N, C-alpha and C. Protein backbone atom coordinates (compact mmCIF):
# COMPACT_ATOMS: atom_id res chain seq x y z
N UNK A 1 6.76 56.22 14.27
CA UNK A 1 5.77 56.76 13.37
C UNK A 1 4.39 56.42 13.92
N UNK A 2 3.54 57.42 13.87
CA UNK A 2 2.22 57.21 14.43
C UNK A 2 1.23 58.21 13.86
N UNK A 3 0.01 57.75 13.65
CA UNK A 3 -1.08 58.62 13.24
C UNK A 3 -2.31 58.24 14.03
N UNK A 4 -3.21 59.21 14.21
CA UNK A 4 -4.42 58.98 14.98
C UNK A 4 -5.48 59.93 14.44
N UNK A 5 -6.76 59.53 14.52
CA UNK A 5 -7.84 60.41 14.03
C UNK A 5 -8.21 61.50 15.03
N UNK A 6 -7.64 61.46 16.23
CA UNK A 6 -7.86 62.45 17.29
C UNK A 6 -9.32 62.55 17.72
N UNK A 7 -10.07 61.51 17.49
CA UNK A 7 -11.46 61.43 17.96
C UNK A 7 -11.50 60.40 19.07
N UNK A 8 -11.70 60.88 20.29
CA UNK A 8 -11.73 59.98 21.45
C UNK A 8 -13.18 59.59 21.72
N UNK A 9 -13.54 58.44 21.25
CA UNK A 9 -14.91 57.96 21.41
C UNK A 9 -15.20 57.65 22.87
N UNK A 10 -16.48 57.69 23.24
CA UNK A 10 -16.90 57.32 24.58
C UNK A 10 -16.66 55.82 24.73
N UNK A 11 -15.74 55.44 25.62
CA UNK A 11 -15.35 54.04 25.76
C UNK A 11 -14.82 53.79 27.16
N UNK A 12 -14.63 52.55 27.49
CA UNK A 12 -14.15 52.16 28.80
C UNK A 12 -12.68 52.50 29.01
N UNK A 13 -12.24 52.35 30.25
CA UNK A 13 -10.90 52.76 30.66
C UNK A 13 -9.75 52.20 29.82
N UNK A 14 -9.58 50.91 29.65
CA UNK A 14 -8.38 50.46 28.94
C UNK A 14 -8.34 50.98 27.50
N UNK A 15 -9.48 50.98 26.83
CA UNK A 15 -9.53 51.44 25.44
C UNK A 15 -9.28 52.93 25.35
N UNK A 16 -9.86 53.70 26.27
CA UNK A 16 -9.68 55.16 26.26
C UNK A 16 -8.21 55.52 26.48
N UNK A 17 -7.58 54.85 27.43
CA UNK A 17 -6.17 55.13 27.70
C UNK A 17 -5.31 54.80 26.48
N UNK A 18 -5.57 53.69 25.84
CA UNK A 18 -4.80 53.30 24.65
C UNK A 18 -5.01 54.31 23.52
N UNK A 19 -6.25 54.77 23.34
CA UNK A 19 -6.56 55.75 22.30
C UNK A 19 -5.87 57.09 22.59
N UNK A 20 -5.88 57.51 23.85
CA UNK A 20 -5.21 58.75 24.24
C UNK A 20 -3.70 58.65 24.03
N UNK A 21 -3.10 57.52 24.40
CA UNK A 21 -1.67 57.34 24.19
C UNK A 21 -1.32 57.36 22.71
N UNK A 22 -2.17 56.77 21.88
CA UNK A 22 -1.96 56.79 20.44
C UNK A 22 -2.02 58.23 19.90
N UNK A 23 -2.98 59.00 20.39
CA UNK A 23 -3.11 60.40 19.95
C UNK A 23 -1.88 61.21 20.37
N UNK A 24 -1.41 61.02 21.59
CA UNK A 24 -0.22 61.75 22.06
C UNK A 24 1.01 61.36 21.25
N UNK A 25 1.13 60.08 20.92
CA UNK A 25 2.27 59.63 20.13
C UNK A 25 2.22 60.24 18.74
N UNK A 26 1.03 60.33 18.15
CA UNK A 26 0.88 60.95 16.84
C UNK A 26 1.29 62.43 16.90
N UNK A 27 0.87 63.13 17.94
CA UNK A 27 1.26 64.53 18.10
C UNK A 27 2.77 64.67 18.24
N UNK A 28 3.35 63.83 19.05
CA UNK A 28 4.78 63.91 19.31
C UNK A 28 5.61 63.59 18.06
N UNK A 29 5.08 62.82 17.13
CA UNK A 29 5.82 62.43 15.93
C UNK A 29 5.38 63.22 14.70
N UNK A 30 4.62 64.30 14.89
CA UNK A 30 4.09 65.09 13.77
C UNK A 30 3.28 64.25 12.79
N UNK A 31 2.50 63.32 13.31
CA UNK A 31 1.65 62.46 12.48
C UNK A 31 2.46 61.78 11.38
N UNK A 32 3.69 61.38 11.69
CA UNK A 32 4.57 60.84 10.65
C UNK A 32 4.06 59.52 10.10
N UNK A 33 4.30 59.35 8.82
CA UNK A 33 3.93 58.13 8.13
C UNK A 33 4.17 58.27 6.64
N UNK A 34 4.14 57.17 5.92
CA UNK A 34 4.41 57.20 4.48
C UNK A 34 3.22 57.67 3.66
N UNK A 35 2.03 57.72 4.27
CA UNK A 35 0.84 58.27 3.60
C UNK A 35 0.21 59.30 4.52
N UNK A 36 -0.55 60.20 3.94
CA UNK A 36 -1.19 61.26 4.70
C UNK A 36 -2.22 60.70 5.67
N UNK A 37 -2.42 61.37 6.81
CA UNK A 37 -3.48 60.93 7.73
C UNK A 37 -4.84 60.98 7.03
N UNK A 38 -5.71 60.05 7.36
CA UNK A 38 -7.03 60.01 6.72
C UNK A 38 -7.97 61.06 7.29
N UNK A 39 -7.83 61.38 8.56
CA UNK A 39 -8.62 62.45 9.18
C UNK A 39 -7.72 63.67 9.26
N UNK A 40 -8.19 64.80 8.72
CA UNK A 40 -7.34 65.99 8.67
C UNK A 40 -8.03 67.18 9.32
N UNK A 41 -7.20 68.15 9.73
CA UNK A 41 -7.65 69.39 10.35
C UNK A 41 -6.85 70.54 9.76
N UNK A 42 -7.45 71.72 9.69
CA UNK A 42 -6.73 72.89 9.21
C UNK A 42 -5.48 73.09 10.07
N UNK A 43 -4.36 73.40 9.42
CA UNK A 43 -3.07 73.68 10.08
C UNK A 43 -2.45 72.46 10.75
N UNK A 44 -2.87 71.27 10.38
CA UNK A 44 -2.32 70.04 10.95
C UNK A 44 -0.96 69.75 10.32
N UNK A 45 -0.01 69.27 11.12
CA UNK A 45 1.30 68.85 10.65
C UNK A 45 1.27 67.39 10.25
N UNK A 46 2.11 67.04 9.26
CA UNK A 46 2.32 65.64 8.89
C UNK A 46 3.73 65.52 8.33
N UNK A 47 4.52 64.60 8.89
CA UNK A 47 5.84 64.33 8.34
C UNK A 47 5.73 63.15 7.40
N UNK A 48 5.93 63.40 6.11
CA UNK A 48 5.84 62.40 5.05
C UNK A 48 7.16 61.63 5.01
N UNK A 49 7.16 60.46 5.61
CA UNK A 49 8.40 59.67 5.69
C UNK A 49 8.81 59.09 4.34
N UNK A 50 7.87 58.94 3.42
CA UNK A 50 8.21 58.39 2.10
C UNK A 50 9.01 59.40 1.27
N UNK A 51 8.77 60.69 1.48
CA UNK A 51 9.44 61.72 0.68
C UNK A 51 10.31 62.67 1.50
N UNK A 52 10.43 62.38 2.80
CA UNK A 52 11.27 63.18 3.69
C UNK A 52 10.89 64.66 3.65
N UNK A 53 9.56 64.93 3.82
CA UNK A 53 9.04 66.30 3.77
C UNK A 53 8.12 66.56 4.95
N UNK A 54 8.23 67.76 5.51
CA UNK A 54 7.31 68.20 6.54
C UNK A 54 6.19 68.98 5.86
N UNK A 55 4.97 68.52 6.04
CA UNK A 55 3.81 69.11 5.38
C UNK A 55 2.91 69.78 6.42
N UNK A 56 2.12 70.77 5.96
CA UNK A 56 1.13 71.41 6.82
C UNK A 56 -0.16 71.53 6.02
N UNK A 57 -1.27 71.29 6.68
CA UNK A 57 -2.59 71.38 6.05
C UNK A 57 -2.95 72.84 5.90
N UNK A 58 -3.53 73.23 4.75
CA UNK A 58 -3.88 74.63 4.54
C UNK A 58 -5.06 75.04 5.42
N UNK A 59 -5.31 76.37 5.50
CA UNK A 59 -6.34 76.91 6.39
C UNK A 59 -7.74 76.42 6.04
N UNK A 60 -7.98 76.14 4.77
CA UNK A 60 -9.29 75.65 4.34
C UNK A 60 -9.44 74.14 4.55
N UNK A 61 -8.37 73.48 4.97
CA UNK A 61 -8.35 72.04 5.16
C UNK A 61 -8.70 71.29 3.87
N UNK A 62 -8.16 71.81 2.75
CA UNK A 62 -8.43 71.19 1.45
C UNK A 62 -7.20 70.57 0.80
N UNK A 63 -6.00 70.88 1.33
CA UNK A 63 -4.79 70.37 0.69
C UNK A 63 -3.61 70.42 1.66
N UNK A 64 -2.63 69.57 1.37
CA UNK A 64 -1.36 69.61 2.09
C UNK A 64 -0.42 70.55 1.36
N UNK A 65 0.35 71.34 2.11
CA UNK A 65 1.36 72.21 1.54
C UNK A 65 2.71 71.83 2.12
N UNK A 66 3.72 71.82 1.25
CA UNK A 66 5.05 71.46 1.72
C UNK A 66 5.61 72.59 2.57
N UNK A 67 5.99 72.26 3.79
CA UNK A 67 6.57 73.26 4.68
C UNK A 67 8.08 73.28 4.52
N UNK A 68 8.69 72.10 4.51
CA UNK A 68 10.14 72.01 4.32
C UNK A 68 10.49 70.59 3.89
N UNK A 69 11.52 70.49 3.06
CA UNK A 69 12.04 69.19 2.65
C UNK A 69 13.28 68.89 3.46
N UNK A 70 13.40 67.66 3.90
CA UNK A 70 14.60 67.26 4.60
C UNK A 70 15.60 66.68 3.63
N UNK A 71 16.84 66.93 3.85
CA UNK A 71 17.88 66.32 3.05
C UNK A 71 18.12 66.96 1.71
N UNK A 72 17.29 67.88 1.30
CA UNK A 72 17.28 68.61 0.04
C UNK A 72 18.49 68.54 -0.86
N UNK A 73 18.73 67.48 -1.54
CA UNK A 73 19.72 67.47 -2.59
C UNK A 73 21.04 66.85 -2.19
N UNK A 74 22.07 67.29 -2.91
CA UNK A 74 23.39 66.70 -2.76
C UNK A 74 24.00 67.01 -1.41
N UNK A 75 24.85 66.13 -0.94
CA UNK A 75 25.57 66.35 0.31
C UNK A 75 27.05 66.23 0.05
N UNK A 76 27.84 66.75 0.98
CA UNK A 76 29.29 66.66 0.86
C UNK A 76 29.78 65.26 1.16
N UNK A 77 31.05 65.15 1.48
CA UNK A 77 31.65 63.85 1.75
C UNK A 77 31.17 63.22 3.05
N UNK A 78 30.59 64.02 3.94
CA UNK A 78 30.11 63.50 5.21
C UNK A 78 28.62 63.76 5.35
N UNK A 79 28.23 64.24 6.53
CA UNK A 79 26.83 64.49 6.80
C UNK A 79 26.41 65.93 6.52
N UNK A 80 27.34 66.77 6.04
CA UNK A 80 26.99 68.16 5.79
C UNK A 80 26.04 68.29 4.60
N UNK A 81 25.03 69.13 4.77
CA UNK A 81 24.05 69.36 3.70
C UNK A 81 24.38 70.70 3.07
N UNK A 82 24.80 70.66 1.84
CA UNK A 82 25.32 71.84 1.16
C UNK A 82 24.25 72.52 0.31
N UNK A 83 23.36 71.77 -0.28
CA UNK A 83 22.39 72.32 -1.21
C UNK A 83 20.98 72.27 -0.64
N UNK A 84 20.22 73.29 -0.96
CA UNK A 84 18.80 73.30 -0.66
C UNK A 84 18.07 73.44 -1.99
N UNK A 85 17.10 72.61 -2.22
CA UNK A 85 16.36 72.64 -3.48
C UNK A 85 15.00 73.27 -3.28
N UNK A 86 14.52 73.97 -4.31
CA UNK A 86 13.15 74.47 -4.31
C UNK A 86 12.52 74.16 -5.66
N UNK A 87 11.21 74.12 -5.69
CA UNK A 87 10.50 73.86 -6.93
C UNK A 87 10.68 74.99 -7.92
N UNK A 88 10.20 74.77 -9.15
CA UNK A 88 10.34 75.77 -10.19
C UNK A 88 9.01 76.40 -10.58
N UNK A 89 7.90 75.91 -10.02
CA UNK A 89 6.58 76.44 -10.36
C UNK A 89 5.79 76.71 -9.09
N UNK A 90 5.26 77.93 -8.98
CA UNK A 90 4.40 78.29 -7.85
C UNK A 90 2.98 77.94 -8.25
N UNK A 91 2.34 77.05 -7.48
CA UNK A 91 1.01 76.53 -7.84
C UNK A 91 -0.09 76.97 -6.90
N UNK A 92 0.28 77.63 -5.78
CA UNK A 92 -0.73 78.13 -4.84
C UNK A 92 -0.37 79.56 -4.46
N UNK A 93 -1.38 80.35 -4.09
CA UNK A 93 -1.15 81.72 -3.66
C UNK A 93 -0.21 81.73 -2.46
N UNK A 94 0.65 82.74 -2.41
CA UNK A 94 1.61 82.83 -1.33
C UNK A 94 1.81 84.28 -0.94
N UNK A 95 1.97 84.54 0.35
CA UNK A 95 2.24 85.88 0.86
C UNK A 95 3.52 85.86 1.68
N UNK A 96 4.46 86.75 1.31
CA UNK A 96 5.63 86.98 2.14
C UNK A 96 5.20 88.03 3.15
N UNK A 97 5.10 87.63 4.40
CA UNK A 97 4.56 88.50 5.45
C UNK A 97 5.47 89.68 5.73
N UNK A 98 4.89 90.75 6.27
CA UNK A 98 5.64 91.94 6.62
C UNK A 98 6.78 91.59 7.57
N UNK A 99 7.91 92.27 7.38
CA UNK A 99 9.09 92.16 8.24
C UNK A 99 9.83 90.83 8.11
N UNK A 100 9.57 90.08 7.04
CA UNK A 100 10.37 88.88 6.75
C UNK A 100 10.79 88.93 5.29
N UNK A 101 11.78 88.15 4.93
CA UNK A 101 12.25 88.08 3.56
C UNK A 101 12.17 86.65 3.06
N UNK A 102 12.15 86.51 1.74
CA UNK A 102 12.11 85.19 1.12
C UNK A 102 13.12 85.15 -0.03
N UNK A 103 13.64 83.96 -0.30
CA UNK A 103 14.58 83.80 -1.40
C UNK A 103 14.24 82.53 -2.17
N UNK A 104 14.33 82.61 -3.48
CA UNK A 104 14.06 81.48 -4.36
C UNK A 104 15.18 81.39 -5.38
N UNK A 105 15.63 80.18 -5.67
CA UNK A 105 16.58 79.98 -6.76
C UNK A 105 15.76 79.82 -8.04
N UNK A 106 16.04 80.64 -9.03
CA UNK A 106 15.23 80.68 -10.24
C UNK A 106 15.90 79.96 -11.39
N UNK A 107 15.27 79.96 -12.55
CA UNK A 107 14.03 80.68 -12.80
C UNK A 107 12.83 80.01 -12.12
N UNK A 108 11.77 80.79 -11.95
CA UNK A 108 10.56 80.28 -11.33
C UNK A 108 9.36 80.77 -12.13
N UNK A 109 8.39 79.88 -12.33
CA UNK A 109 7.15 80.23 -13.03
C UNK A 109 6.02 80.34 -12.02
N UNK A 110 5.08 81.25 -12.29
CA UNK A 110 3.89 81.39 -11.45
C UNK A 110 2.70 80.99 -12.31
N UNK A 111 1.98 79.96 -11.89
CA UNK A 111 0.83 79.48 -12.65
C UNK A 111 -0.21 80.58 -12.84
N UNK A 112 -0.97 80.48 -13.92
CA UNK A 112 -2.04 81.44 -14.20
C UNK A 112 -3.03 81.47 -13.04
N UNK A 113 -3.44 82.67 -12.64
CA UNK A 113 -4.41 82.83 -11.57
C UNK A 113 -3.81 82.77 -10.18
N UNK A 114 -2.51 82.55 -10.08
CA UNK A 114 -1.82 82.46 -8.79
C UNK A 114 -1.16 83.81 -8.49
N UNK A 115 -1.21 84.23 -7.22
CA UNK A 115 -0.65 85.51 -6.81
C UNK A 115 0.40 85.30 -5.74
N UNK A 116 1.53 85.98 -5.91
CA UNK A 116 2.55 86.06 -4.86
C UNK A 116 2.51 87.50 -4.37
N UNK A 117 2.21 87.67 -3.09
CA UNK A 117 2.11 89.00 -2.50
C UNK A 117 3.31 89.20 -1.58
N UNK A 118 4.00 90.33 -1.77
CA UNK A 118 5.12 90.69 -0.91
C UNK A 118 4.68 91.92 -0.13
N UNK A 119 4.43 91.73 1.16
CA UNK A 119 3.91 92.83 1.97
C UNK A 119 4.97 93.90 2.19
N UNK A 120 4.51 95.10 2.51
CA UNK A 120 5.39 96.24 2.76
C UNK A 120 6.38 95.90 3.85
N UNK A 121 7.64 96.25 3.61
CA UNK A 121 8.70 95.97 4.58
C UNK A 121 9.34 94.61 4.39
N UNK A 122 8.95 93.90 3.33
CA UNK A 122 9.49 92.58 3.04
C UNK A 122 10.14 92.58 1.66
N UNK A 123 10.91 91.54 1.41
CA UNK A 123 11.54 91.37 0.09
C UNK A 123 11.48 89.91 -0.31
N UNK A 124 11.30 89.69 -1.62
CA UNK A 124 11.42 88.36 -2.22
C UNK A 124 12.49 88.47 -3.28
N UNK A 125 13.55 87.71 -3.14
CA UNK A 125 14.66 87.74 -4.06
C UNK A 125 14.72 86.43 -4.81
N UNK A 126 14.80 86.51 -6.14
CA UNK A 126 14.99 85.33 -6.98
C UNK A 126 16.39 85.42 -7.55
N UNK A 127 17.22 84.44 -7.21
CA UNK A 127 18.61 84.45 -7.68
C UNK A 127 18.83 83.40 -8.74
């Protein structure tokens, strides 16, 4: 697990190399850690080790959005993952892009003022 602010200050050789190695390690581990990185960038990845979720920073760099949950729910007798869980309330605008499909296990609520857009050639199915 590693995080870095990705700001390489003007510094001497040993410190610069250590800072660069820390930045590369953070990139290689998806900025993993139990708390969000303190320095953020639009579209930045972060693996939340406390909640087993892969997060991505939104385009405005104002919030983290859940990209995928690991381990999602009950498992069988071994390591097989049988269930995938999704939330029940849509709290941010979402677009299903053209030429892709989306599926949600319902029921699902859409908060007031929130829009789900399904582009032409796509489908969103709630089962």
